[in-house]
Amino acid sequence: MDFLEIHSLLLREPNLLLPLLDLSDINKNNSNFCQIKVLKNHQNLAFTDSGKLIHVIKGKLLQQISNSKQIVNAIWMENDFIFHNVFQPNPYEYVAFGRVELAIYDAKAVLQELSGQPFFPDLLIDTLKRQEYQSYRYARMLTKSVQERVLEITKLLSK
């Protein structure tokens, strides 16, 4: 069993952002707010500007640090949202693992639209906690052998 199979077994909590986007007035057909992009296997996605909200519609997207070592520090899957340079600057670029379909939003416009929702602060807190937890979980998994990872995932799933 390889790491991607183990990663796909991780418990995925429902994301509050997807239903909020569906209920909002943000139109995916309006190119000012949203771009739909399809990446082929190993195709890179790098942004020169900040403030993007990336929704992985289909496929797996690897997030790596932009340097000569090419360290993958996250694997994003269907219905995951990535806040690229919204809350803090980061040196990440993204690489498609297989065919990946993305919706790329202008984060400022999305957050402005969603700020009218009564539970918007809950969404921000939930998003920040989720990113911190996923980063911690992924970093911890990299320190273990494959056998230890499988055992840990099995324990998580058996609860």
Protein backbone atom coordinates (compact mmCIF):
# COMPACT_ATOMS: atom_id res chain seq x y z
CA MET A 1 0.00 0.00 0.00
CA ASP A 2 1.55 3.32 -1.00
CA PHE A 3 1.24 6.69 0.70
CA LEU A 4 -1.49 8.00 -1.64
CA GLU A 5 -3.71 5.04 -0.80
CA ILE A 6 -3.15 5.70 2.90
CA HIS A 7 -3.80 9.41 2.39
CA SER A 8 -7.13 8.67 0.72
CA LEU A 9 -8.15 6.73 3.84
CA LEU A 10 -7.76 9.78 6.05
CA LEU A 11 -11.03 10.90 7.54
CA ARG A 12 -12.31 13.87 5.56
CA GLU A 13 -14.51 16.26 7.46
CA PRO A 14 -17.21 18.03 5.45
CA ASN A 15 -16.12 21.47 4.30
CA LEU A 16 -18.42 24.40 5.14
CA LEU A 17 -17.15 26.45 2.22
CA LEU A 18 -18.67 24.34 -0.56
CA PRO A 19 -22.33 24.76 0.50
CA LEU A 20 -21.71 28.45 1.23
CA LEU A 21 -20.36 28.98 -2.28
CA ASP A 22 -23.34 27.14 -3.74
CA LEU A 23 -25.75 29.39 -1.81
CA SER A 24 -23.92 32.61 -2.67
CA ASP A 25 -24.38 34.87 -5.68
CA ILE A 26 -20.91 34.05 -6.99
CA ASN A 27 -21.27 32.84 -10.54
CA LYS A 28 -18.76 30.26 -11.79
CA ASN A 29 -19.39 31.46 -15.33
CA ASN A 30 -18.16 34.98 -14.51
CA SER A 31 -14.45 35.05 -15.38
CA ASN A 32 -13.87 38.00 -13.02
CA PHE A 33 -14.60 35.78 -10.02
CA CYS A 34 -13.80 32.25 -11.13
CA GLN A 35 -11.69 30.35 -13.65
CA ILE A 36 -12.14 26.66 -14.35
CA LYS A 37 -8.79 25.08 -15.12
CA VAL A 38 -7.96 21.50 -16.11
CA LEU A 39 -4.42 20.28 -15.47
CA LYS A 40 -2.85 17.22 -17.04
CA ASN A 41 -0.61 14.80 -15.16
CA HIS A 42 2.52 16.54 -13.76
CA GLN A 43 1.41 19.95 -15.05
CA ASN A 44 2.45 22.81 -12.73
CA LEU A 45 0.26 25.60 -11.45
CA ALA A 46 2.04 28.64 -10.02
CA PHE A 47 0.52 32.01 -9.21
CA THR A 48 2.28 35.34 -9.53
CA ASP A 49 -0.41 37.20 -7.62
CA SER A 50 -1.82 36.50 -4.20
CA GLY A 51 -5.27 35.94 -2.85
CA LYS A 52 -6.56 32.87 -4.66
CA LEU A 53 -9.06 30.34 -3.43
CA ILE A 54 -8.55 27.01 -5.20
CA HIS A 55 -11.31 24.40 -5.18
CA VAL A 56 -10.23 20.92 -6.25
CA ILE A 57 -13.28 19.69 -8.17
CA LYS A 58 -11.80 16.39 -9.38
CA GLY A 59 -8.47 14.63 -8.96
CA LYS A 60 -5.46 15.06 -6.68
CA LEU A 61 -3.27 18.13 -6.46
CA LEU A 62 0.16 18.05 -4.83
CA GLN A 63 1.30 21.17 -3.01
CA GLN A 64 5.04 21.64 -2.97
CA ILE A 65 7.47 24.22 -1.72
CA SER A 66 8.95 26.20 -4.60
CA ASN A 67 12.63 25.44 -4.32
CA SER A 68 15.17 23.09 -5.84
CA LYS A 69 14.28 20.16 -3.52
CA GLN A 70 10.62 19.90 -4.61
CA ILE A 71 9.23 18.88 -1.24
CA VAL A 72 5.56 17.87 -1.34
CA ASN A 73 3.94 19.09 1.85
CA ALA A 74 0.24 18.43 1.14
CA ILE A 75 -2.01 16.34 -1.06
CA TRP A 76 -5.31 18.02 -1.89
CA MET A 77 -8.24 15.89 -3.03
CA GLU A 78 -11.77 16.39 -4.35
CA ASN A 79 -13.75 19.14 -2.60
CA ASP A 80 -10.70 20.48 -0.76
CA PHE A 81 -10.17 24.24 -0.71
CA ILE A 82 -6.76 25.90 -0.70
CA PHE A 83 -6.34 29.47 0.48
CA HIS A 84 -3.30 30.47 -1.59
CA ASN A 85 -1.59 33.57 -0.12
CA VAL A 86 -4.81 34.78 1.51
CA PHE A 87 -3.93 34.78 5.22
CA GLN A 88 -0.14 34.65 4.91
CA PRO A 89 2.38 34.53 2.06
CA ASN A 90 3.69 31.11 1.13
CA PRO A 91 6.14 29.85 -1.49
CA TYR A 92 3.91 27.05 -2.81
CA GLU A 93 3.28 25.80 -6.29
CA TYR A 94 0.95 22.99 -7.24
CA VAL A 95 1.43 19.90 -9.40
CA ALA A 96 -1.34 17.76 -10.86
CA PHE A 97 -1.28 14.09 -9.94
CA GLY A 98 -3.25 12.65 -12.82
CA ARG A 99 -5.98 14.78 -14.40
CA VAL A 100 -7.16 17.56 -12.08
CA GLU A 101 -10.08 19.95 -12.48
CA LEU A 102 -9.91 23.17 -10.47
CA ALA A 103 -12.06 26.21 -9.86
CA ILE A 104 -9.83 29.19 -9.05
CA TYR A 105 -11.62 32.08 -7.35
CA ASP A 106 -10.50 35.57 -6.47
CA ALA A 107 -10.32 35.12 -2.69
CA LYS A 108 -11.03 38.76 -1.88
CA ALA A 109 -14.28 38.70 -3.87
CA VAL A 110 -15.35 35.37 -2.35
CA LEU A 111 -14.61 36.46 1.22
CA GLN A 112 -16.40 39.77 0.62
CA GLU A 113 -19.46 37.92 -0.68
CA LEU A 114 -19.46 35.39 2.16
CA SER A 115 -18.86 38.01 4.86
CA GLY A 116 -22.57 38.81 4.73
CA GLN A 117 -23.40 35.32 5.99
CA PRO A 118 -24.24 35.22 9.73
CA PHE A 119 -21.86 32.33 10.43
CA PHE A 120 -18.92 33.66 8.37
CA PRO A 121 -16.59 33.96 11.44
CA ASP A 122 -17.26 30.27 12.14
CA LEU A 123 -16.19 29.47 8.60
CA LEU A 124 -12.89 31.34 9.01
CA ILE A 125 -12.13 29.69 12.34
CA ASP A 126 -13.03 26.26 10.95
CA THR A 127 -10.84 26.80 7.88
CA LEU A 128 -7.80 27.92 9.85
CA LYS A 129 -8.13 25.04 12.32
CA ARG A 130 -8.54 22.56 9.45
CA GLN A 131 -5.42 23.82 7.66
CA GLU A 132 -3.37 23.69 10.85
CA TYR A 133 -4.58 20.18 11.70
CA GLN A 134 -4.01 18.81 8.18
CA SER A 135 -0.51 20.28 8.09
CA TYR A 136 0.30 18.72 11.47
CA ARG A 137 -1.18 15.36 10.48
CA TYR A 138 0.71 15.25 7.19
CA ALA A 139 4.03 16.24 8.80
CA ARG A 140 3.56 13.56 11.46
CA MET A 141 2.77 10.90 8.84
CA LEU A 142 6.04 11.65 7.02
CA THR A 143 8.02 10.71 10.13
CA LYS A 144 6.59 7.19 10.26
CA SER A 145 7.16 4.03 8.29
CA VAL A 146 4.48 2.75 5.92
CA GLN A 147 3.52 0.01 8.37
CA GLU A 148 3.07 2.53 11.20
CA ARG A 149 0.96 4.75 8.92
CA VAL A 150 -1.34 1.86 7.98
CA LEU A 151 -1.77 0.90 11.65
CA GLU A 152 -2.56 4.49 12.63
CA ILE A 153 -5.12 4.89 9.84
CA THR A 154 -6.71 1.56 10.78
CA LYS A 155 -7.02 2.73 14.39
CA LEU A 156 -8.60 6.00 13.26
CA LEU A 157 -11.11 4.19 11.07
CA SER A 158 -12.03 1.67 13.76
CA LYS A 159 -13.15 4.35 16.24
